[in-house]
C-alpha atoms as a PDB file:
ATOM      1  CA  UNK A   1      16.088  -4.193   4.601  1.00  0.00           C
ATOM      2  CA  UNK A   2      16.148  -7.950   4.135  1.00  0.00           C
ATOM      3  CA  UNK A   3      18.602  -9.465   1.670  1.00  0.00           C
ATOM      4  CA  UNK A   4      18.570 -12.750  -0.242  1.00  0.00           C
ATOM      5  CA  UNK A   5      21.340 -14.931  -1.630  1.00  0.00           C
ATOM      6  CA  UNK A   6      21.817 -15.214  -5.387  1.00  0.00           C
ATOM      7  CA  UNK A   7      23.300 -18.476  -6.677  1.00  0.00           C
ATOM      8  CA  UNK A   8      23.595 -20.613  -9.783  1.00  0.00           C
ATOM      9  CA  UNK A   9      21.332 -23.662 -10.162  1.00  0.00           C
ATOM     10  CA  UNK A  10      22.666 -25.500 -13.182  1.00  0.00           C
ATOM     11  CA  UNK A  11      22.725 -22.855 -15.920  1.00  0.00           C
ATOM     12  CA  UNK A  12      20.034 -20.709 -14.285  1.00  0.00           C
ATOM     13  CA  UNK A  13      20.434 -17.946 -11.756  1.00  0.00           C
ATOM     14  CA  UNK A  14      18.296 -18.387  -8.632  1.00  0.00           C
ATOM     15  CA  UNK A  15      17.438 -16.392  -5.526  1.00  0.00           C
ATOM     16  CA  UNK A  16      17.049 -18.063  -2.148  1.00  0.00           C
ATOM     17  CA  UNK A  17      14.215 -16.200  -0.422  1.00  0.00           C
ATOM     18  CA  UNK A  18      14.198 -15.862   3.363  1.00  0.00           C
ATOM     19  CA  UNK A  19      11.432 -17.711   5.210  1.00  0.00           C
ATOM     20  CA  UNK A  20       9.313 -14.577   5.723  1.00  0.00           C
ATOM     21  CA  UNK A  21       9.193 -14.015   1.939  1.00  0.00           C
ATOM     22  CA  UNK A  22       7.982 -17.482   0.921  1.00  0.00           C
ATOM     23  CA  UNK A  23       5.326 -17.472  -1.784  1.00  0.00           C
ATOM     24  CA  UNK A  24       2.349 -19.708  -2.476  1.00  0.00           C
ATOM     25  CA  UNK A  25       2.424 -21.868  -5.570  1.00  0.00           C
ATOM     26  CA  UNK A  26       5.292 -22.765  -7.846  1.00  0.00           C
ATOM     27  CA  UNK A  27       5.499 -19.710 -10.113  1.00  0.00           C
ATOM     28  CA  UNK A  28       5.849 -15.962  -9.716  1.00  0.00           C
ATOM     29  CA  UNK A  29       5.638 -13.098 -12.195  1.00  0.00           C
ATOM     30  CA  UNK A  30       8.729 -10.984 -12.813  1.00  0.00           C
ATOM     31  CA  UNK A  31       8.824  -7.383 -13.967  1.00  0.00           C
ATOM     32  CA  UNK A  32      11.846  -5.178 -14.593  1.00  0.00           C
ATOM     33  CA  UNK A  33      11.578  -1.785 -12.897  1.00  0.00           C
ATOM     34  CA  UNK A  34      14.155   1.032 -12.804  1.00  0.00           C
ATOM     35  CA  UNK A  35      15.257  -0.025  -9.318  1.00  0.00           C
ATOM     36  CA  UNK A  36      15.697  -3.705 -10.201  1.00  0.00           C
ATOM     37  CA  UNK A  37      13.342  -6.682 -10.466  1.00  0.00           C
ATOM     38  CA  UNK A  38       9.843  -6.840  -8.996  1.00  0.00           C
ATOM     39  CA  UNK A  39       8.548 -10.288  -7.981  1.00  0.00           C
ATOM     40  CA  UNK A  40       4.748 -10.586  -8.081  1.00  0.00           C
ATOM     41  CA  UNK A  41       3.142 -13.512  -6.334  1.00  0.00           C
ATOM     42  CA  UNK A  42      -0.209 -13.330  -8.140  1.00  0.00           C
ATOM     43  CA  UNK A  43      -1.750 -12.422 -11.454  1.00  0.00           C
ATOM     44  CA  UNK A  44      -2.762  -8.728 -11.189  1.00  0.00           C
ATOM     45  CA  UNK A  45      -6.100  -9.535 -12.840  1.00  0.00           C
ATOM     46  CA  UNK A  46      -6.852 -12.030 -10.058  1.00  0.00           C
ATOM     47  CA  UNK A  47      -6.962  -9.122  -7.606  1.00  0.00           C
ATOM     48  CA  UNK A  48      -9.426  -7.296  -9.877  1.00  0.00           C
ATOM     49  CA  UNK A  49     -11.633 -10.388 -10.238  1.00  0.00           C
ATOM     50  CA  UNK A  50     -11.738 -10.818  -6.460  1.00  0.00           C
ATOM     51  CA  UNK A  51     -12.690  -7.158  -5.984  1.00  0.00           C
ATOM     52  CA  UNK A  52     -15.518  -7.469  -8.527  1.00  0.00           C
ATOM     53  CA  UNK A  53     -16.928 -10.475  -6.661  1.00  0.00           C
ATOM     54  CA  UNK A  54     -17.364  -8.270  -3.593  1.00  0.00           C
ATOM     55  CA  UNK A  55     -19.671  -5.829  -5.420  1.00  0.00           C
ATOM     56  CA  UNK A  56     -23.355  -6.011  -4.557  1.00  0.00           C
ATOM     57  CA  UNK A  57     -25.925  -7.187  -7.125  1.00  0.00           C
ATOM     58  CA  UNK A  58     -27.354  -3.673  -7.414  1.00  0.00           C
ATOM     59  CA  UNK A  59     -23.981  -2.051  -8.083  1.00  0.00           C
ATOM     60  CA  UNK A  60     -24.492   0.729 -10.642  1.00  0.00           C
ATOM     61  CA  UNK A  61     -28.173  -0.185 -11.035  1.00  0.00           C
ATOM     62  CA  UNK A  62     -29.087   3.493 -10.798  1.00  0.00           C
ATOM     63  CA  UNK A  63     -26.410   4.558 -13.296  1.00  0.00           C
ATOM     64  CA  UNK A  64     -27.600   7.070 -15.879  1.00  0.00           C
ATOM     65  CA  UNK A  65     -26.272   5.889 -19.211  1.00  0.00           C
ATOM     66  CA  UNK A  66     -26.678   8.265 -22.175  1.00  0.00           C
ATOM     67  CA  UNK A  67     -27.949   6.761 -25.422  1.00  0.00           C
ATOM     68  CA  UNK A  68     -25.336   5.684 -27.974  1.00  0.00           C
ATOM     69  CA  UNK A  69     -24.106   8.491 -30.208  1.00  0.00           C
ATOM     70  CA  UNK A  70     -24.793   8.365 -33.925  1.00  0.00           C
ATOM     71  CA  UNK A  71     -21.527   8.346 -35.829  1.00  0.00           C
ATOM     72  CA  UNK A  72     -20.675   8.411 -39.483  1.00  0.00           C
ATOM     73  CA  UNK A  73     -18.145   5.775 -40.376  1.00  0.00           C
ATOM     74  CA  UNK A  74     -16.166   6.293 -43.509  1.00  0.00           C
ATOM     75  CA  UNK A  75     -13.361   4.320 -45.087  1.00  0.00           C
ATOM     76  CA  UNK A  76     -11.772   7.558 -46.327  1.00  0.00           C
ATOM     77  CA  UNK A  77      -9.539   9.516 -43.998  1.00  0.00           C
END
């Protein structure tokens, strides 16, 4: 397991990442998980957008879509 140094930069805490963990850009996303802190290099939706671009033009063209259901909407509950 690779480790990184934690240090203070002014009044902020910083982590010096080893060379093999360098990230692109100037920002990362942080998420607290039970085991610690997860550092995400990209927006998770960016991955989804890229995957959608790879779909063919006829993706789901043959999909059988049932007609919309008739529903009664009432303000009373």
